[in-house]
Amino acid sequence: MHGYSGDKQAYLTRLRRIEGQIRGLQRMVEEDAYCIDVLTQVSAATRALQAVALGLLEDHIGHCVADAVSTGGPEAEEKVKEASAAIARLVRS
């Protein structure tokens, strides 16, 4: 079971909302909306995706990494490396 399983429906709802934002962005570009208005919406969609990513990361650390660490061994080290790599990717984006 994945760490986000308990919140799966909430994540799906948020992702569908973001999908709608992206469609709105496409429509704005198709309709030649003002650049700053498009950029404002891009920023909002980006923040929404970042919020989803942070929630997933928190769930991963709280469930998957915590379980592996409590068990110990090489799997624990792998899960910690995995989480560190995910954090690095989020920081770079």
PDB file of N, CA and C in Angstrom:
ATOM      1  N   MET A   1       0.851  -1.181   0.000  1.00  0.00           N
ATOM      2  CA  MET A   1       0.000   0.000   0.000  1.00  0.00           C
ATOM      3  C   MET A   1       0.895   1.243   0.000  1.00  0.00           C
ATOM      4  N   HIS A   2       0.525   2.213  -0.822  1.00  0.00           N
ATOM      5  CA  HIS A   2       1.311   3.434  -0.921  1.00  0.00           C
ATOM      6  C   HIS A   2       0.920   4.415   0.179  1.00  0.00           C
ATOM      7  N   GLY A   3       1.846   5.305   0.508  1.00  0.00           N
ATOM      8  CA  GLY A   3       1.610   6.277   1.565  1.00  0.00           C
ATOM      9  C   GLY A   3       0.439   7.197   1.293  1.00  0.00           C
ATOM     10  N   TYR A   4       0.139   7.457   0.038  1.00  0.00           N
ATOM     11  CA  TYR A   4      -0.949   8.381  -0.300  1.00  0.00           C
ATOM     12  C   TYR A   4      -2.305   7.688  -0.404  1.00  0.00           C
ATOM     13  N   SER A   5      -2.357   6.393  -0.223  1.00  0.00           N
ATOM     14  CA  SER A   5      -3.597   5.633  -0.430  1.00  0.00           C
ATOM     15  C   SER A   5      -4.774   6.184   0.365  1.00  0.00           C
ATOM     16  N   GLY A   6      -4.537   6.619   1.582  1.00  0.00           N
ATOM     17  CA  GLY A   6      -5.618   7.146   2.408  1.00  0.00           C
ATOM     18  C   GLY A   6      -6.194   8.438   1.862  1.00  0.00           C
ATOM     19  N   ASP A   7      -5.385   9.196   1.133  1.00  0.00           N
ATOM     20  CA  ASP A   7      -5.806  10.483   0.576  1.00  0.00           C
ATOM     21  C   ASP A   7      -5.970  10.432  -0.937  1.00  0.00           C
ATOM     22  N   LYS A   8      -6.085   9.245  -1.482  1.00  0.00           N
ATOM     23  CA  LYS A   8      -6.105   9.085  -2.940  1.00  0.00           C
ATOM     24  C   LYS A   8      -7.182   9.935  -3.603  1.00  0.00           C
ATOM     25  N   GLN A   9      -8.388   9.913  -3.079  1.00  0.00           N
ATOM     26  CA  GLN A   9      -9.474  10.683  -3.691  1.00  0.00           C
ATOM     27  C   GLN A   9      -9.202  12.183  -3.626  1.00  0.00           C
ATOM     28  N   ALA A  10      -8.637  12.643  -2.529  1.00  0.00           N
ATOM     29  CA  ALA A  10      -8.302  14.067  -2.410  1.00  0.00           C
ATOM     30  C   ALA A  10      -7.244  14.448  -3.443  1.00  0.00           C
ATOM     31  N   TYR A  11      -6.252  13.593  -3.633  1.00  0.00           N
ATOM     32  CA  TYR A  11      -5.218  13.867  -4.650  1.00  0.00           C
ATOM     33  C   TYR A  11      -5.820  13.874  -6.048  1.00  0.00           C
ATOM     34  N   LEU A  12      -6.693  12.919  -6.318  1.00  0.00           N
ATOM     35  CA  LEU A  12      -7.327  12.874  -7.638  1.00  0.00           C
ATOM     36  C   LEU A  12      -8.172  14.121  -7.888  1.00  0.00           C
ATOM     37  N   THR A  13      -8.874  14.564  -6.871  1.00  0.00           N
ATOM     38  CA  THR A  13      -9.678  15.784  -7.003  1.00  0.00           C
ATOM     39  C   THR A  13      -8.790  16.985  -7.297  1.00  0.00           C
ATOM     40  N   ARG A  14      -7.686  17.095  -6.562  1.00  0.00           N
ATOM     41  CA  ARG A  14      -6.764  18.219  -6.782  1.00  0.00           C
ATOM     42  C   ARG A  14      -6.139  18.153  -8.172  1.00  0.00           C
ATOM     43  N   LEU A  15      -5.770  16.960  -8.608  1.00  0.00           N
ATOM     44  CA  LEU A  15      -5.166  16.816  -9.939  1.00  0.00           C
ATOM     45  C   LEU A  15      -6.172  17.128 -11.043  1.00  0.00           C
ATOM     46  N   ARG A  16      -7.418  16.769 -10.842  1.00  0.00           N
ATOM     47  CA  ARG A  16      -8.437  17.117 -11.839  1.00  0.00           C
ATOM     48  C   ARG A  16      -8.638  18.627 -11.902  1.00  0.00           C
ATOM     49  N   ARG A  17      -8.568  19.283 -10.746  1.00  0.00           N
ATOM     50  CA  ARG A  17      -8.677  20.738 -10.715  1.00  0.00           C
ATOM     51  C   ARG A  17      -7.506  21.369 -11.456  1.00  0.00           C
ATOM     52  N   ILE A  18      -6.318  20.831 -11.260  1.00  0.00           N
ATOM     53  CA  ILE A  18      -5.127  21.329 -11.956  1.00  0.00           C
ATOM     54  C   ILE A  18      -5.266  21.088 -13.453  1.00  0.00           C
ATOM     55  N   GLU A  19      -5.798  19.931 -13.814  1.00  0.00           N
ATOM     56  CA  GLU A  19      -6.039  19.639 -15.230  1.00  0.00           C
ATOM     57  C   GLU A  19      -6.945  20.708 -15.843  1.00  0.00           C
ATOM     58  N   GLY A  20      -7.962  21.115 -15.094  1.00  0.00           N
ATOM     59  CA  GLY A  20      -8.838  22.183 -15.556  1.00  0.00           C
ATOM     60  C   GLY A  20      -8.098  23.499 -15.711  1.00  0.00           C
ATOM     61  N   GLN A  21      -7.183  23.765 -14.778  1.00  0.00           N
ATOM     62  CA  GLN A  21      -6.375  24.985 -14.890  1.00  0.00           C
ATOM     63  C   GLN A  21      -5.529  24.954 -16.165  1.00  0.00           C
ATOM     64  N   ILE A  22      -4.959  23.813 -16.468  1.00  0.00           N
ATOM     65  CA  ILE A  22      -4.125  23.682 -17.659  1.00  0.00           C
ATOM     66  C   ILE A  22      -4.972  23.877 -18.919  1.00  0.00           C
ATOM     67  N   ARG A  23      -6.158  23.307 -18.915  1.00  0.00           N
ATOM     68  CA  ARG A  23      -7.057  23.516 -20.060  1.00  0.00           C
ATOM     69  C   ARG A  23      -7.401  24.994 -20.204  1.00  0.00           C
ATOM     70  N   GLY A  24      -7.599  25.664 -19.068  1.00  0.00           N
ATOM     71  CA  GLY A  24      -7.868  27.092 -19.093  1.00  0.00           C
ATOM     72  C   GLY A  24      -6.698  27.863 -19.673  1.00  0.00           C
ATOM     73  N   LEU A  25      -5.493  27.440 -19.343  1.00  0.00           N
ATOM     74  CA  LEU A  25      -4.290  28.067 -19.909  1.00  0.00           C
ATOM     75  C   LEU A  25      -4.242  27.884 -21.422  1.00  0.00           C
ATOM     76  N   GLN A  26      -4.543  26.693 -21.882  1.00  0.00           N
ATOM     77  CA  GLN A  26      -4.564  26.442 -23.325  1.00  0.00           C
ATOM     78  C   GLN A  26      -5.572  27.363 -24.007  1.00  0.00           C
ATOM     79  N   ARG A  27      -6.730  27.496 -23.390  1.00  0.00           N
ATOM     80  CA  ARG A  27      -7.772  28.348 -23.951  1.00  0.00           C
ATOM     81  C   ARG A  27      -7.321  29.811 -23.974  1.00  0.00           C
ATOM     82  N   MET A  28      -6.652  30.228 -22.910  1.00  0.00           N
ATOM     83  CA  MET A  28      -6.153  31.605 -22.850  1.00  0.00           C
ATOM     84  C   MET A  28      -5.183  31.883 -23.995  1.00  0.00           C
ATOM     85  N   VAL A  29      -4.281  30.929 -24.245  1.00  0.00           N
ATOM     86  CA  VAL A  29      -3.309  31.111 -25.330  1.00  0.00           C
ATOM     87  C   VAL A  29      -4.029  31.089 -26.679  1.00  0.00           C
ATOM     88  N   GLU A  30      -4.962  30.172 -26.835  1.00  0.00           N
ATOM     89  CA  GLU A  30      -5.719  30.119 -28.093  1.00  0.00           C
ATOM     90  C   GLU A  30      -6.451  31.431 -28.362  1.00  0.00           C
ATOM     91  N   GLU A  31      -6.917  32.059 -27.291  1.00  0.00           N
ATOM     92  CA  GLU A  31      -7.688  33.300 -27.425  1.00  0.00           C
ATOM     93  C   GLU A  31      -6.816  34.549 -27.336  1.00  0.00           C
ATOM     94  N   ASP A  32      -5.501  34.369 -27.382  1.00  0.00           N
ATOM     95  CA  ASP A  32      -4.549  35.487 -27.331  1.00  0.00           C
ATOM     96  C   ASP A  32      -4.721  36.372 -26.107  1.00  0.00           C
ATOM     97  N   ALA A  33      -4.846  35.746 -24.947  1.00  0.00           N
ATOM     98  CA  ALA A  33      -4.968  36.500 -23.693  1.00  0.00           C
ATOM     99  C   ALA A  33      -3.676  37.271 -23.422  1.00  0.00           C
ATOM    100  N   TYR A  34      -3.791  38.281 -22.602  1.00  0.00           N
ATOM    101  CA  TYR A  34      -2.658  39.130 -22.229  1.00  0.00           C
ATOM    102  C   TYR A  34      -1.580  38.276 -21.544  1.00  0.00           C
ATOM    103  N   CYS A  35      -0.341  38.508 -21.913  1.00  0.00           N
ATOM    104  CA  CYS A  35       0.800  37.698 -21.435  1.00  0.00           C
ATOM    105  C   CYS A  35       0.831  37.561 -19.913  1.00  0.00           C
ATOM    106  N   ILE A  36       0.675  38.676 -19.224  1.00  0.00           N
ATOM    107  CA  ILE A  36       0.760  38.657 -17.761  1.00  0.00           C
ATOM    108  C   ILE A  36      -0.371  37.821 -17.167  1.00  0.00           C
ATOM    109  N   ASP A  37      -1.539  37.871 -17.765  1.00  0.00           N
ATOM    110  CA  ASP A  37      -2.653  37.047 -17.278  1.00  0.00           C
ATOM    111  C   ASP A  37      -2.334  35.560 -17.435  1.00  0.00           C
ATOM    112  N   VAL A  38      -1.745  35.197 -18.555  1.00  0.00           N
ATOM    113  CA  VAL A  38      -1.352  33.800 -18.783  1.00  0.00           C
ATOM    114  C   VAL A  38      -0.278  33.400 -17.778  1.00  0.00           C
ATOM    115  N   LEU A  39       0.715  34.252 -17.594  1.00  0.00           N
ATOM    116  CA  LEU A  39       1.786  33.953 -16.636  1.00  0.00           C
ATOM    117  C   LEU A  39       1.252  33.811 -15.216  1.00  0.00           C
ATOM    118  N   THR A  40       0.290  34.619 -14.857  1.00  0.00           N
ATOM    119  CA  THR A  40      -0.321  34.523 -13.524  1.00  0.00           C
ATOM    120  C   THR A  40      -0.970  33.157 -13.344  1.00  0.00           C
ATOM    121  N   GLN A  41      -1.659  32.691 -14.377  1.00  0.00           N
ATOM    122  CA  GLN A  41      -2.304  31.382 -14.299  1.00  0.00           C
ATOM    123  C   GLN A  41      -1.293  30.238 -14.318  1.00  0.00           C
ATOM    124  N   VAL A  42      -0.203  30.409 -15.055  1.00  0.00           N
ATOM    125  CA  VAL A  42       0.878  29.407 -15.043  1.00  0.00           C
ATOM    126  C   VAL A  42       1.440  29.290 -13.627  1.00  0.00           C
ATOM    127  N   SER A  43       1.645  30.428 -12.993  1.00  0.00           N
ATOM    128  CA  SER A  43       2.164  30.437 -11.630  1.00  0.00           C
ATOM    129  C   SER A  43       1.211  29.721 -10.676  1.00  0.00           C
ATOM    130  N   ALA A  44      -0.083  29.966 -10.822  1.00  0.00           N
ATOM    131  CA  ALA A  44      -1.074  29.311  -9.957  1.00  0.00           C
ATOM    132  C   ALA A  44      -1.068  27.799 -10.172  1.00  0.00           C
ATOM    133  N   ALA A  45      -0.996  27.365 -11.416  1.00  0.00           N
ATOM    134  CA  ALA A  45      -0.963  25.924 -11.713  1.00  0.00           C
ATOM    135  C   ALA A  45       0.313  25.292 -11.169  1.00  0.00           C
ATOM    136  N   THR A  46       1.417  26.008 -11.292  1.00  0.00           N
ATOM    137  CA  THR A  46       2.692  25.513 -10.774  1.00  0.00           C
ATOM    138  C   THR A  46       2.620  25.343  -9.262  1.00  0.00           C
ATOM    139  N   ARG A  47       2.081  26.332  -8.568  1.00  0.00           N
ATOM    140  CA  ARG A  47       1.940  26.237  -7.106  1.00  0.00           C
ATOM    141  C   ARG A  47       1.041  25.069  -6.716  1.00  0.00           C
ATOM    142  N   ALA A  48      -0.030  24.865  -7.479  1.00  0.00           N
ATOM    143  CA  ALA A  48      -0.940  23.759  -7.191  1.00  0.00           C
ATOM    144  C   ALA A  48      -0.232  22.411  -7.345  1.00  0.00           C
ATOM    145  N   LEU A  49       0.556  22.266  -8.410  1.00  0.00           N
ATOM    146  CA  LEU A  49       1.321  21.022  -8.600  1.00  0.00           C
ATOM    147  C   LEU A  49       2.363  20.840  -7.501  1.00  0.00           C
ATOM    148  N   GLN A  50       2.998  21.927  -7.105  1.00  0.00           N
ATOM    149  CA  GLN A  50       3.981  21.836  -6.026  1.00  0.00           C
ATOM    150  C   GLN A  50       3.322  21.398  -4.719  1.00  0.00           C
ATOM    151  N   ALA A  51       2.108  21.882  -4.465  1.00  0.00           N
ATOM    152  CA  ALA A  51       1.391  21.478  -3.255  1.00  0.00           C
ATOM    153  C   ALA A  51       1.085  19.984  -3.283  1.00  0.00           C
ATOM    154  N   VAL A  52       0.691  19.471  -4.440  1.00  0.00           N
ATOM    155  CA  VAL A  52       0.448  18.029  -4.578  1.00  0.00           C
ATOM    156  C   VAL A  52       1.749  17.271  -4.338  1.00  0.00           C
ATOM    157  N   ALA A  53       2.830  17.742  -4.945  1.00  0.00           N
ATOM    158  CA  ALA A  53       4.123  17.065  -4.790  1.00  0.00           C
ATOM    159  C   ALA A  53       4.564  17.044  -3.337  1.00  0.00           C
ATOM    160  N   LEU A  54       4.405  18.153  -2.639  1.00  0.00           N
ATOM    161  CA  LEU A  54       4.799  18.196  -1.233  1.00  0.00           C
ATOM    162  C   LEU A  54       3.934  17.267  -0.380  1.00  0.00           C
ATOM    163  N   GLY A  55       2.656  17.198  -0.682  1.00  0.00           N
ATOM    164  CA  GLY A  55       1.783  16.274   0.041  1.00  0.00           C
ATOM    165  C   GLY A  55       2.180  14.830  -0.187  1.00  0.00           C
ATOM    166  N   LEU A  56       2.473  14.496  -1.450  1.00  0.00           N
ATOM    167  CA  LEU A  56       2.908  13.129  -1.760  1.00  0.00           C
ATOM    168  C   LEU A  56       4.233  12.805  -1.074  1.00  0.00           C
ATOM    169  N   LEU A  57       5.131  13.771  -1.059  1.00  0.00           N
ATOM    170  CA  LEU A  57       6.422  13.566  -0.401  1.00  0.00           C
ATOM    171  C   LEU A  57       6.232  13.342   1.097  1.00  0.00           C
ATOM    172  N   GLU A  58       5.370  14.153   1.692  1.00  0.00           N
ATOM    173  CA  GLU A  58       5.096  13.994   3.118  1.00  0.00           C
ATOM    174  C   GLU A  58       4.493  12.617   3.406  1.00  0.00           C
ATOM    175  N   ASP A  59       3.552  12.197   2.570  1.00  0.00           N
ATOM    176  CA  ASP A  59       2.966  10.871   2.744  1.00  0.00           C
ATOM    177  C   ASP A  59       4.017   9.778   2.564  1.00  0.00           C
ATOM    178  N   HIS A  60       4.892   9.941   1.579  1.00  0.00           N
ATOM    179  CA  HIS A  60       5.937   8.946   1.325  1.00  0.00           C
ATOM    180  C   HIS A  60       6.873   8.830   2.527  1.00  0.00           C
ATOM    181  N   ILE A  61       7.298   9.965   3.037  1.00  0.00           N
ATOM    182  CA  ILE A  61       8.209   9.932   4.186  1.00  0.00           C
ATOM    183  C   ILE A  61       7.500   9.363   5.411  1.00  0.00           C
ATOM    184  N   GLY A  62       6.264   9.804   5.635  1.00  0.00           N
ATOM    185  CA  GLY A  62       5.531   9.359   6.822  1.00  0.00           C
ATOM    186  C   GLY A  62       5.127   7.899   6.790  1.00  0.00           C
ATOM    187  N   HIS A  63       5.002   7.340   5.617  1.00  0.00           N
ATOM    188  CA  HIS A  63       4.556   5.948   5.524  1.00  0.00           C
ATOM    189  C   HIS A  63       5.675   5.037   5.022  1.00  0.00           C
ATOM    190  N   CYS A  64       6.068   5.215   3.773  1.00  0.00           N
ATOM    191  CA  CYS A  64       7.025   4.295   3.142  1.00  0.00           C
ATOM    192  C   CYS A  64       8.403   4.349   3.791  1.00  0.00           C
ATOM    193  N   VAL A  65       8.915   5.557   3.965  1.00  0.00           N
ATOM    194  CA  VAL A  65      10.254   5.693   4.542  1.00  0.00           C
ATOM    195  C   VAL A  65      10.234   5.291   6.014  1.00  0.00           C
ATOM    196  N   ALA A  66       9.229   5.755   6.753  1.00  0.00           N
ATOM    197  CA  ALA A  66       9.143   5.415   8.182  1.00  0.00           C
ATOM    198  C   ALA A  66       9.050   3.909   8.392  1.00  0.00           C
ATOM    199  N   ASP A  67       8.247   3.224   7.577  1.00  0.00           N
ATOM    200  CA  ASP A  67       8.142   1.767   7.698  1.00  0.00           C
ATOM    201  C   ASP A  67       9.476   1.091   7.400  1.00  0.00           C
ATOM    202  N   ALA A  68      10.144   1.547   6.345  1.00  0.00           N
ATOM    203  CA  ALA A  68      11.429   0.938   5.983  1.00  0.00           C
ATOM    204  C   ALA A  68      12.474   1.186   7.058  1.00  0.00           C
ATOM    205  N   VAL A  69      12.484   2.381   7.626  1.00  0.00           N
ATOM    206  CA  VAL A  69      13.466   2.696   8.666  1.00  0.00           C
ATOM    207  C   VAL A  69      13.204   1.870   9.913  1.00  0.00           C
ATOM    208  N   SER A  70      11.933   1.675  10.253  1.00  0.00           N
ATOM    209  CA  SER A  70      11.635   0.863  11.436  1.00  0.00           C
ATOM    210  C   SER A  70      12.058  -0.590  11.244  1.00  0.00           C
ATOM    211  N   THR A  71      12.008  -1.063   9.984  1.00  0.00           N
ATOM    212  CA  THR A  71      12.451  -2.418   9.673  1.00  0.00           C
ATOM    213  C   THR A  71      13.973  -2.499   9.621  1.00  0.00           C
ATOM    214  N   GLY A  72      14.590  -1.430   9.116  1.00  0.00           N
ATOM    215  CA  GLY A  72      16.046  -1.373   9.017  1.00  0.00           C
ATOM    216  C   GLY A  72      16.570  -2.080   7.784  1.00  0.00           C
ATOM    217  N   GLY A  73      17.874  -2.173   7.711  1.00  0.00           N
ATOM    218  CA  GLY A  73      18.519  -2.878   6.613  1.00  0.00           C
ATOM    219  C   GLY A  73      18.669  -2.044   5.356  1.00  0.00           C
ATOM    220  N   PRO A  74      19.044  -2.708   4.260  1.00  0.00           N
ATOM    221  CA  PRO A  74      19.313  -2.001   3.010  1.00  0.00           C
ATOM    222  C   PRO A  74      18.081  -1.296   2.427  1.00  0.00           C
ATOM    223  N   GLU A  75      16.899  -1.844   2.681  1.00  0.00           N
ATOM    224  CA  GLU A  75      15.686  -1.188   2.180  1.00  0.00           C
ATOM    225  C   GLU A  75      15.517   0.192   2.818  1.00  0.00           C
ATOM    226  N   ALA A  76      15.862   0.320   4.073  1.00  0.00           N
ATOM    227  CA  ALA A  76      15.765   1.608   4.754  1.00  0.00           C
ATOM    228  C   ALA A  76      16.692   2.619   4.097  1.00  0.00           C
ATOM    229  N   GLU A  77      17.915   2.210   3.838  1.00  0.00           N
ATOM    230  CA  GLU A  77      18.871   3.101   3.178  1.00  0.00           C
ATOM    231  C   GLU A  77      18.371   3.505   1.803  1.00  0.00           C
ATOM    232  N   GLU A  78      17.796   2.556   1.069  1.00  0.00           N
ATOM    233  CA  GLU A  78      17.280   2.833  -0.274  1.00  0.00           C
ATOM    234  C   GLU A  78      16.120   3.829  -0.228  1.00  0.00           C
ATOM    235  N   LYS A  79      15.210   3.653   0.728  1.00  0.00           N
ATOM    236  CA  LYS A  79      14.059   4.564   0.842  1.00  0.00           C
ATOM    237  C   LYS A  79      14.504   5.973   1.215  1.00  0.00           C
ATOM    238  N   VAL A  80      15.495   6.089   2.072  1.00  0.00           N
ATOM    239  CA  VAL A  80      16.014   7.413   2.449  1.00  0.00           C
ATOM    240  C   VAL A  80      16.679   8.074   1.242  1.00  0.00           C
ATOM    241  N   LYS A  81      17.467   7.305   0.468  1.00  0.00           N
ATOM    242  CA  LYS A  81      18.090   7.850  -0.747  1.00  0.00           C
ATOM    243  C   LYS A  81      17.033   8.283  -1.749  1.00  0.00           C
ATOM    244  N   GLU A  82      16.000   7.488  -1.892  1.00  0.00           N
ATOM    245  CA  GLU A  82      14.894   7.781  -2.798  1.00  0.00           C
ATOM    246  C   GLU A  82      14.211   9.101  -2.411  1.00  0.00           C
ATOM    247  N   ALA A  83      13.936   9.260  -1.112  1.00  0.00           N
ATOM    248  CA  ALA A  83      13.299  10.481  -0.623  1.00  0.00           C
ATOM    249  C   ALA A  83      14.212  11.683  -0.829  1.00  0.00           C
ATOM    250  N   SER A  84      15.498  11.508  -0.577  1.00  0.00           N
ATOM    251  CA  SER A  84      16.453  12.598  -0.784  1.00  0.00           C
ATOM    252  C   SER A  84      16.502  13.027  -2.246  1.00  0.00           C
ATOM    253  N   ALA A  85      16.471  12.068  -3.138  1.00  0.00           N
ATOM    254  CA  ALA A  85      16.486  12.374  -4.570  1.00  0.00           C
ATOM    255  C   ALA A  85      15.203  13.105  -4.975  1.00  0.00           C
ATOM    256  N   ALA A  86      14.076  12.695  -4.417  1.00  0.00           N
ATOM    257  CA  ALA A  86      12.803  13.357  -4.719  1.00  0.00           C
ATOM    258  C   ALA A  86      12.826  14.795  -4.216  1.00  0.00           C
ATOM    259  N   ILE A  87      13.368  15.004  -3.034  1.00  0.00           N
ATOM    260  CA  ILE A  87      13.476  16.358  -2.487  1.00  0.00           C
ATOM    261  C   ILE A  87      14.373  17.210  -3.371  1.00  0.00           C
ATOM    262  N   ALA A  88      15.487  16.643  -3.805  1.00  0.00           N
ATOM    263  CA  ALA A  88      16.397  17.381  -4.688  1.00  0.00           C
ATOM    264  C   ALA A  88      15.708  17.771  -5.985  1.00  0.00           C
ATOM    265  N   ARG A  89      14.917  16.872  -6.549  1.00  0.00           N
ATOM    266  CA  ARG A  89      14.186  17.193  -7.790  1.00  0.00           C
ATOM    267  C   ARG A  89      13.190  18.325  -7.554  1.00  0.00           C
ATOM    268  N   LEU A  90      12.503  18.297  -6.430  1.00  0.00           N
ATOM    269  CA  LEU A  90      11.529  19.344  -6.128  1.00  0.00           C
ATOM    270  C   LEU A  90      12.207  20.690  -5.891  1.00  0.00           C
ATOM    271  N   VAL A  91      13.362  20.670  -5.266  1.00  0.00           N
ATOM    272  CA  VAL A  91      14.087  21.915  -5.003  1.00  0.00           C
ATOM    273  C   VAL A  91      14.591  22.521  -6.304  1.00  0.00           C
ATOM    274  N   ARG A  92      15.009  21.699  -7.241  1.00  0.00           N
ATOM    275  CA  ARG A  92      15.507  22.194  -8.534  1.00  0.00           C
ATOM    276  C   ARG A  92      14.403  22.748  -9.416  1.00  0.00           C
ATOM    277  N   SER A  93      13.180  22.253  -9.222  1.00  0.00           N
ATOM    278  CA  SER A  93      12.101  22.675 -10.124  1.00  0.00           C
ATOM    279  C   SER A  93      11.530  24.031  -9.770  1.00  0.00           C
TER     280      SER A  93
END
